[in-house]
């Protein structure tokens, strides 16, 4: 049981490090091309990535959301000034 929980913790730490180093991943829908399908005269962009070819990882999105919630929920820093 301890070995399994250690393996899960290592896996989560590795994914967190990956999200910190490489926050974007190629889009799975268009395989990183940005084009959903190209016809004879029209090119339709991928709806998921909007033609950018990369999407934000789920772990990085969770980190950004948590950071935003913490930022909006804490009191602003007010420096003390002496007259």
PDB file of N, CA and C in Angstrom:
ATOM      1  N   UNK A   1       0.823  -1.194   0.000  1.00  0.00           N
ATOM      2  CA  UNK A   1       0.000   0.000   0.000  1.00  0.00           C
ATOM      3  C   UNK A   1       0.867   1.259   0.000  1.00  0.00           C
ATOM      4  N   UNK A   2       1.920   1.234   0.784  1.00  0.00           N
ATOM      5  CA  UNK A   2       2.803   2.395   0.852  1.00  0.00           C
ATOM      6  C   UNK A   2       3.534   2.585  -0.476  1.00  0.00           C
ATOM      7  N   UNK A   3       3.897   1.478  -1.108  1.00  0.00           N
ATOM      8  CA  UNK A   3       4.592   1.564  -2.386  1.00  0.00           C
ATOM      9  C   UNK A   3       3.678   2.139  -3.474  1.00  0.00           C
ATOM     10  N   UNK A   4       2.426   1.750  -3.447  1.00  0.00           N
ATOM     11  CA  UNK A   4       1.472   2.265  -4.428  1.00  0.00           C
ATOM     12  C   UNK A   4       1.221   3.758  -4.217  1.00  0.00           C
ATOM     13  N   UNK A   5       1.079   4.182  -2.988  1.00  0.00           N
ATOM     14  CA  UNK A   5       0.850   5.608  -2.723  1.00  0.00           C
ATOM     15  C   UNK A   5       2.093   6.418  -3.067  1.00  0.00           C
ATOM     16  N   UNK A   6       3.277   5.865  -2.850  1.00  0.00           N
ATOM     17  CA  UNK A   6       4.510   6.543  -3.235  1.00  0.00           C
ATOM     18  C   UNK A   6       4.592   6.682  -4.757  1.00  0.00           C
ATOM     19  N   UNK A   7       4.172   5.655  -5.473  1.00  0.00           N
ATOM     20  CA  UNK A   7       4.187   5.705  -6.930  1.00  0.00           C
ATOM     21  C   UNK A   7       3.207   6.767  -7.446  1.00  0.00           C
ATOM     22  N   UNK A   8       2.042   6.872  -6.823  1.00  0.00           N
ATOM     23  CA  UNK A   8       1.063   7.880  -7.228  1.00  0.00           C
ATOM     24  C   UNK A   8       1.606   9.278  -6.948  1.00  0.00           C
ATOM     25  N   UNK A   9       2.239   9.471  -5.799  1.00  0.00           N
ATOM     26  CA  UNK A   9       2.820  10.781  -5.473  1.00  0.00           C
ATOM     27  C   UNK A   9       3.933  11.155  -6.444  1.00  0.00           C
ATOM     28  N   UNK A  10       4.769  10.193  -6.817  1.00  0.00           N
ATOM     29  CA  UNK A  10       5.817  10.466  -7.799  1.00  0.00           C
ATOM     30  C   UNK A  10       5.237  10.797  -9.165  1.00  0.00           C
ATOM     31  N   UNK A  11       4.185  10.121  -9.528  1.00  0.00           N
ATOM     32  CA  UNK A  11       3.523  10.386 -10.800  1.00  0.00           C
ATOM     33  C   UNK A  11       2.922  11.792 -10.817  1.00  0.00           C
ATOM     34  N   UNK A  12       2.263  12.180  -9.736  1.00  0.00           N
ATOM     35  CA  UNK A  12       1.683  13.519  -9.653  1.00  0.00           C
ATOM     36  C   UNK A  12       2.756  14.602  -9.624  1.00  0.00           C
ATOM     37  N   UNK A  13       3.861  14.334  -8.947  1.00  0.00           N
ATOM     38  CA  UNK A  13       4.962  15.302  -8.913  1.00  0.00           C
ATOM     39  C   UNK A  13       5.582  15.450 -10.302  1.00  0.00           C
ATOM     40  N   UNK A  14       5.711  14.363 -11.016  1.00  0.00           N
ATOM     41  CA  UNK A  14       6.239  14.417 -12.374  1.00  0.00           C
ATOM     42  C   UNK A  14       5.325  15.190 -13.307  1.00  0.00           C
ATOM     43  N   UNK A  15       4.004  14.988 -13.172  1.00  0.00           N
ATOM     44  CA  UNK A  15       3.059  15.722 -14.012  1.00  0.00           C
ATOM     45  C   UNK A  15       3.053  17.211 -13.666  1.00  0.00           C
ATOM     46  N   UNK A  16       3.180  17.528 -12.385  1.00  0.00           N
ATOM     47  CA  UNK A  16       3.246  18.937 -11.974  1.00  0.00           C
ATOM     48  C   UNK A  16       4.502  19.597 -12.530  1.00  0.00           C
ATOM     49  N   UNK A  17       5.608  18.885 -12.523  1.00  0.00           N
ATOM     50  CA  UNK A  17       6.842  19.433 -13.093  1.00  0.00           C
ATOM     51  C   UNK A  17       6.698  19.614 -14.609  1.00  0.00           C
ATOM     52  N   UNK A  18       6.062  18.662 -15.262  1.00  0.00           N
ATOM     53  CA  UNK A  18       5.833  18.782 -16.701  1.00  0.00           C
ATOM     54  C   UNK A  18       4.949  19.977 -17.020  1.00  0.00           C
ATOM     55  N   UNK A  19       3.903  20.206 -16.205  1.00  0.00           N
ATOM     56  CA  UNK A  19       3.023  21.356 -16.424  1.00  0.00           C
ATOM     57  C   UNK A  19       3.759  22.666 -16.181  1.00  0.00           C
ATOM     58  N   UNK A  20       4.721  22.672 -15.282  1.00  0.00           N
ATOM     59  CA  UNK A  20       5.481  23.892 -15.017  1.00  0.00           C
ATOM     60  C   UNK A  20       6.469  24.178 -16.143  1.00  0.00           C
ATOM     61  N   UNK A  21       7.087  23.138 -16.676  1.00  0.00           N
ATOM     62  CA  UNK A  21       8.106  23.319 -17.712  1.00  0.00           C
ATOM     63  C   UNK A  21       7.479  23.496 -19.092  1.00  0.00           C
ATOM     64  N   UNK A  22       6.499  22.679 -19.407  1.00  0.00           N
ATOM     65  CA  UNK A  22       5.851  22.695 -20.722  1.00  0.00           C
ATOM     66  C   UNK A  22       4.338  22.824 -20.539  1.00  0.00           C
ATOM     67  N   UNK A  23       3.813  24.057 -20.392  1.00  0.00           N
ATOM     68  CA  UNK A  23       2.386  24.199 -20.098  1.00  0.00           C
ATOM     69  C   UNK A  23       1.468  23.891 -21.284  1.00  0.00           C
ATOM     70  N   UNK A  24       1.984  23.912 -22.496  1.00  0.00           N
ATOM     71  CA  UNK A  24       1.145  23.669 -23.672  1.00  0.00           C
ATOM     72  C   UNK A  24       1.448  22.311 -24.282  1.00  0.00           C
ATOM     73  N   UNK A  25       0.419  21.712 -24.880  1.00  0.00           N
ATOM     74  CA  UNK A  25       0.539  20.425 -25.540  1.00  0.00           C
ATOM     75  C   UNK A  25      -0.117  20.529 -26.918  1.00  0.00           C
ATOM     76  N   UNK A  26       0.327  19.748 -27.892  1.00  0.00           N
ATOM     77  CA  UNK A  26      -0.341  19.793 -29.204  1.00  0.00           C
ATOM     78  C   UNK A  26      -1.805  19.353 -29.086  1.00  0.00           C
ATOM     79  N   UNK A  27      -2.642  19.997 -29.857  1.00  0.00           N
ATOM     80  CA  UNK A  27      -4.063  19.686 -29.844  1.00  0.00           C
ATOM     81  C   UNK A  27      -4.279  18.250 -30.326  1.00  0.00           C
ATOM     82  N   UNK A  28      -5.128  17.506 -29.612  1.00  0.00           N
ATOM     83  CA  UNK A  28      -5.379  16.119 -29.993  1.00  0.00           C
ATOM     84  C   UNK A  28      -6.370  16.009 -31.138  1.00  0.00           C
ATOM     85  N   UNK A  29      -7.250  16.976 -31.275  1.00  0.00           N
ATOM     86  CA  UNK A  29      -8.277  16.914 -32.314  1.00  0.00           C
ATOM     87  C   UNK A  29      -7.674  17.073 -33.711  1.00  0.00           C
ATOM     88  N   UNK A  30      -6.762  18.055 -33.858  1.00  0.00           N
ATOM     89  CA  UNK A  30      -6.189  18.308 -35.187  1.00  0.00           C
ATOM     90  C   UNK A  30      -4.758  17.782 -35.298  1.00  0.00           C
ATOM     91  N   UNK A  31      -4.276  17.102 -34.280  1.00  0.00           N
ATOM     92  CA  UNK A  31      -2.921  16.534 -34.240  1.00  0.00           C
ATOM     93  C   UNK A  31      -1.846  17.606 -34.383  1.00  0.00           C
ATOM     94  N   UNK A  32      -2.143  18.807 -33.876  1.00  0.00           N
ATOM     95  CA  UNK A  32      -1.156  19.877 -33.881  1.00  0.00           C
ATOM     96  C   UNK A  32      -0.993  20.594 -35.209  1.00  0.00           C
ATOM     97  N   UNK A  33      -1.925  20.427 -36.131  1.00  0.00           N
ATOM     98  CA  UNK A  33      -1.811  21.114 -37.420  1.00  0.00           C
ATOM     99  C   UNK A  33      -2.566  22.432 -37.425  1.00  0.00           C
ATOM    100  N   UNK A  34      -3.610  22.558 -36.600  1.00  0.00           N
ATOM    101  CA  UNK A  34      -4.415  23.765 -36.561  1.00  0.00           C
ATOM    102  C   UNK A  34      -5.545  23.763 -37.564  1.00  0.00           C
ATOM    103  N   UNK A  35      -5.582  22.770 -38.442  1.00  0.00           N
ATOM    104  CA  UNK A  35      -6.602  22.693 -39.487  1.00  0.00           C
ATOM    105  C   UNK A  35      -7.445  21.449 -39.247  1.00  0.00           C
ATOM    106  N   UNK A  36      -8.745  21.637 -39.165  1.00  0.00           N
ATOM    107  CA  UNK A  36      -9.624  20.489 -38.974  1.00  0.00           C
ATOM    108  C   UNK A  36      -9.692  19.662 -40.242  1.00  0.00           C
ATOM    109  N   UNK A  37     -10.026  20.288 -41.339  1.00  0.00           N
ATOM    110  CA  UNK A  37      -9.959  19.634 -42.647  1.00  0.00           C
ATOM    111  C   UNK A  37      -9.888  20.707 -43.716  1.00  0.00           C
ATOM    112  N   UNK A  38      -9.162  20.403 -44.733  1.00  0.00           N
ATOM    113  CA  UNK A  38      -8.985  21.355 -45.831  1.00  0.00           C
ATOM    114  C   UNK A  38      -9.746  20.840 -47.047  1.00  0.00           C
ATOM    115  N   UNK A  39     -10.629  21.679 -47.565  1.00  0.00           N
ATOM    116  CA  UNK A  39     -11.380  21.321 -48.769  1.00  0.00           C
ATOM    117  C   UNK A  39     -10.620  21.791 -49.996  1.00  0.00           C
ATOM    118  N   UNK A  40     -11.333  21.875 -51.078  1.00  0.00           N
ATOM    119  CA  UNK A  40     -10.677  22.332 -52.307  1.00  0.00           C
ATOM    120  C   UNK A  40     -10.363  23.823 -52.244  1.00  0.00           C
ATOM    121  N   UNK A  41     -11.306  24.618 -51.707  1.00  0.00           N
ATOM    122  CA  UNK A  41     -11.106  26.066 -51.681  1.00  0.00           C
ATOM    123  C   UNK A  41     -11.150  26.649 -50.273  1.00  0.00           C
ATOM    124  N   UNK A  42     -11.607  25.897 -49.306  1.00  0.00           N
ATOM    125  CA  UNK A  42     -11.734  26.418 -47.951  1.00  0.00           C
ATOM    126  C   UNK A  42     -10.883  25.621 -46.981  1.00  0.00           C
ATOM    127  N   UNK A  43     -10.451  26.309 -45.952  1.00  0.00           N
ATOM    128  CA  UNK A  43      -9.705  25.676 -44.870  1.00  0.00           C
ATOM    129  C   UNK A  43     -10.450  25.969 -43.580  1.00  0.00           C
ATOM    130  N   UNK A  44     -10.878  24.936 -42.885  1.00  0.00           N
ATOM    131  CA  UNK A  44     -11.585  25.108 -41.620  1.00  0.00           C
ATOM    132  C   UNK A  44     -10.613  24.921 -40.475  1.00  0.00           C
ATOM    133  N   UNK A  45     -10.561  25.908 -39.604  1.00  0.00           N
ATOM    134  CA  UNK A  45      -9.677  25.825 -38.454  1.00  0.00           C
ATOM    135  C   UNK A  45     -10.268  24.905 -37.396  1.00  0.00           C
ATOM    136  N   UNK A  46      -9.396  24.354 -36.606  1.00  0.00           N
ATOM    137  CA  UNK A  46      -9.815  23.460 -35.519  1.00  0.00           C
ATOM    138  C   UNK A  46     -10.604  24.257 -34.487  1.00  0.00           C
ATOM    139  N   UNK A  47     -11.724  23.693 -34.027  1.00  0.00           N
ATOM    140  CA  UNK A  47     -12.562  24.395 -33.057  1.00  0.00           C
ATOM    141  C   UNK A  47     -11.957  24.380 -31.658  1.00  0.00           C
ATOM    142  N   UNK A  48     -11.229  23.346 -31.325  1.00  0.00           N
ATOM    143  CA  UNK A  48     -10.672  23.255 -29.977  1.00  0.00           C
ATOM    144  C   UNK A  48      -9.534  24.227 -29.745  1.00  0.00           C
ATOM    145  N   UNK A  49      -8.598  24.276 -30.666  1.00  0.00           N
ATOM    146  CA  UNK A  49      -7.431  25.149 -30.483  1.00  0.00           C
ATOM    147  C   UNK A  49      -7.544  26.441 -31.262  1.00  0.00           C
ATOM    148  N   UNK A  50      -8.601  26.603 -32.048  1.00  0.00           N
ATOM    149  CA  UNK A  50      -8.852  27.792 -32.872  1.00  0.00           C
ATOM    150  C   UNK A  50      -7.696  28.084 -33.827  1.00  0.00           C
ATOM    151  N   UNK A  51      -7.046  27.045 -34.287  1.00  0.00           N
ATOM    152  CA  UNK A  51      -5.968  27.198 -35.254  1.00  0.00           C
ATOM    153  C   UNK A  51      -4.616  27.513 -34.640  1.00  0.00           C
ATOM    154  N   UNK A  52      -4.518  27.554 -33.311  1.00  0.00           N
ATOM    155  CA  UNK A  52      -3.248  27.859 -32.653  1.00  0.00           C
ATOM    156  C   UNK A  52      -2.324  26.645 -32.565  1.00  0.00           C
ATOM    157  N   UNK A  53      -2.839  25.464 -32.776  1.00  0.00           N
ATOM    158  CA  UNK A  53      -2.121  24.194 -32.782  1.00  0.00           C
ATOM    159  C   UNK A  53      -1.772  23.677 -31.394  1.00  0.00           C
ATOM    160  N   UNK A  54      -1.855  24.494 -30.353  1.00  0.00           N
ATOM    161  CA  UNK A  54      -1.505  24.060 -29.004  1.00  0.00           C
ATOM    162  C   UNK A  54      -2.629  24.387 -28.042  1.00  0.00           C
ATOM    163  N   UNK A  55      -2.766  23.543 -27.017  1.00  0.00           N
ATOM    164  CA  UNK A  55      -3.755  23.751 -25.973  1.00  0.00           C
ATOM    165  C   UNK A  55      -3.075  23.716 -24.626  1.00  0.00           C
ATOM    166  N   UNK A  56      -3.675  24.401 -23.654  1.00  0.00           N
ATOM    167  CA  UNK A  56      -3.153  24.421 -22.303  1.00  0.00           C
ATOM    168  C   UNK A  56      -3.440  23.081 -21.635  1.00  0.00           C
ATOM    169  N   UNK A  57      -2.460  22.543 -20.933  1.00  0.00           N
ATOM    170  CA  UNK A  57      -2.652  21.258 -20.245  1.00  0.00           C
ATOM    171  C   UNK A  57      -3.673  21.409 -19.117  1.00  0.00           C
ATOM    172  N   UNK A  58      -4.320  20.316 -18.765  1.00  0.00           N
ATOM    173  CA  UNK A  58      -5.338  20.324 -17.720  1.00  0.00           C
ATOM    174  C   UNK A  58      -4.712  20.710 -16.380  1.00  0.00           C
ATOM    175  N   UNK A  59      -3.558  20.173 -16.073  1.00  0.00           N
ATOM    176  CA  UNK A  59      -2.894  20.490 -14.807  1.00  0.00           C
ATOM    177  C   UNK A  59      -2.508  21.946 -14.713  1.00  0.00           C
ATOM    178  N   UNK A  60      -2.062  22.538 -15.807  1.00  0.00           N
ATOM    179  CA  UNK A  60      -1.706  23.952 -15.802  1.00  0.00           C
ATOM    180  C   UNK A  60      -2.945  24.824 -15.665  1.00  0.00           C
ATOM    181  N   UNK A  61      -4.055  24.386 -16.280  1.00  0.00           N
ATOM    182  CA  UNK A  61      -5.308  25.120 -16.142  1.00  0.00           C
ATOM    183  C   UNK A  61      -5.775  25.103 -14.689  1.00  0.00           C
ATOM    184  N   UNK A  62      -5.644  23.955 -14.016  1.00  0.00           N
ATOM    185  CA  UNK A  62      -5.999  23.873 -12.599  1.00  0.00           C
ATOM    186  C   UNK A  62      -5.105  24.759 -11.746  1.00  0.00           C
ATOM    187  N   UNK A  63      -3.815  24.784 -12.043  1.00  0.00           N
ATOM    188  CA  UNK A  63      -2.881  25.632 -11.310  1.00  0.00           C
ATOM    189  C   UNK A  63      -3.223  27.105 -11.494  1.00  0.00           C
ATOM    190  N   UNK A  64      -3.519  27.518 -12.720  1.00  0.00           N
ATOM    191  CA  UNK A  64      -3.879  28.916 -12.985  1.00  0.00           C
ATOM    192  C   UNK A  64      -5.175  29.301 -12.284  1.00  0.00           C
ATOM    193  N   UNK A  65      -6.165  28.404 -12.275  1.00  0.00           N
ATOM    194  CA  UNK A  65      -7.431  28.675 -11.608  1.00  0.00           C
ATOM    195  C   UNK A  65      -7.233  28.802 -10.106  1.00  0.00           C
ATOM    196  N   UNK A  66      -6.458  27.912  -9.521  1.00  0.00           N
ATOM    197  CA  UNK A  66      -6.176  27.989  -8.091  1.00  0.00           C
ATOM    198  C   UNK A  66      -5.437  29.257  -7.718  1.00  0.00           C
ATOM    199  N   UNK A  67      -4.495  29.644  -8.551  1.00  0.00           N
ATOM    200  CA  UNK A  67      -3.750  30.875  -8.309  1.00  0.00           C
ATOM    201  C   UNK A  67      -4.666  32.092  -8.396  1.00  0.00           C
ATOM    202  N   UNK A  68      -5.590  32.077  -9.367  1.00  0.00           N
ATOM    203  CA  UNK A  68      -6.531  33.185  -9.523  1.00  0.00           C
ATOM    204  C   UNK A  68      -7.478  33.265  -8.329  1.00  0.00           C
ATOM    205  N   UNK A  69      -7.990  32.127  -7.861  1.00  0.00           N
ATOM    206  CA  UNK A  69      -8.891  32.110  -6.710  1.00  0.00           C
ATOM    207  C   UNK A  69      -8.169  32.617  -5.470  1.00  0.00           C
ATOM    208  N   UNK A  70      -6.937  32.210  -5.271  1.00  0.00           N
ATOM    209  CA  UNK A  70      -6.167  32.669  -4.112  1.00  0.00           C
ATOM    210  C   UNK A  70      -5.911  34.166  -4.196  1.00  0.00           C
ATOM    211  N   UNK A  71      -5.618  34.654  -5.396  1.00  0.00           N
ATOM    212  CA  UNK A  71      -5.326  36.075  -5.566  1.00  0.00           C
ATOM    213  C   UNK A  71      -6.557  36.930  -5.285  1.00  0.00           C
ATOM    214  N   UNK A  72      -7.732  36.499  -5.752  1.00  0.00           N
ATOM    215  CA  UNK A  72      -8.942  37.281  -5.528  1.00  0.00           C
ATOM    216  C   UNK A  72      -9.480  37.122  -4.115  1.00  0.00           C
ATOM    217  N   UNK A  73      -9.119  36.063  -3.425  1.00  0.00           N
ATOM    218  CA  UNK A  73      -9.641  35.827  -2.079  1.00  0.00           C
ATOM    219  C   UNK A  73      -8.798  36.402  -0.958  1.00  0.00           C
ATOM    220  N   UNK A  74      -7.616  36.863  -1.235  1.00  0.00           N
ATOM    221  CA  UNK A  74      -6.769  37.424  -0.184  1.00  0.00           C
ATOM    222  C   UNK A  74      -6.868  38.938  -0.171  1.00  0.00           C
ATOM    223  N   UNK A  75      -6.544  39.498   0.964  1.00  0.00           N
ATOM    224  CA  UNK A  75      -6.581  40.959   1.091  1.00  0.00           C
ATOM    225  C   UNK A  75      -5.422  41.579   0.335  1.00  0.00           C
ATOM    226  N   UNK A  76      -5.617  42.760  -0.208  1.00  0.00           N
ATOM    227  CA  UNK A  76      -4.514  43.410  -0.923  1.00  0.00           C
ATOM    228  C   UNK A  76      -3.433  43.864   0.048  1.00  0.00           C
ATOM    229  N   UNK A  77      -2.235  43.873  -0.402  1.00  0.00           N
ATOM    230  CA  UNK A  77      -1.103  44.308   0.400  1.00  0.00           C
ATOM    231  C   UNK A  77      -1.099  45.829   0.458  1.00  0.00           C
ATOM    232  N   UNK A  78      -1.149  46.367   1.679  1.00  0.00           N
ATOM    233  CA  UNK A  78      -1.118  47.818   1.845  1.00  0.00           C
ATOM    234  C   UNK A  78       0.155  48.181   2.594  1.00  0.00           C
ATOM    235  N   UNK A  79       1.061  48.824   1.909  1.00  0.00           N
ATOM    236  CA  UNK A  79       2.304  49.195   2.590  1.00  0.00           C
ATOM    237  C   UNK A  79       2.037  50.268   3.647  1.00  0.00           C
ATOM    238  N   UNK A  80       2.738  50.147   4.735  1.00  0.00           N
ATOM    239  CA  UNK A  80       2.593  51.143   5.789  1.00  0.00           C
ATOM    240  C   UNK A  80       3.521  52.307   5.526  1.00  0.00           C
ATOM    241  N   UNK A  81       2.970  53.493   5.575  1.00  0.00           N
ATOM    242  CA  UNK A  81       3.770  54.686   5.353  1.00  0.00           C
ATOM    243  C   UNK A  81       3.723  55.554   6.591  1.00  0.00           C
ATOM    244  N   UNK A  82       4.811  56.122   6.925  1.00  0.00           N
ATOM    245  CA  UNK A  82       4.877  57.015   8.071  1.00  0.00           C
ATOM    246  C   UNK A  82       4.893  58.461   7.586  1.00  0.00           C
ATOM    247  N   UNK A  83       4.075  59.304   8.199  1.00  0.00           N
ATOM    248  CA  UNK A  83       4.061  60.713   7.765  1.00  0.00           C
ATOM    249  C   UNK A  83       5.282  61.489   8.220  1.00  0.00           C
TER     250      UNK A  83
END
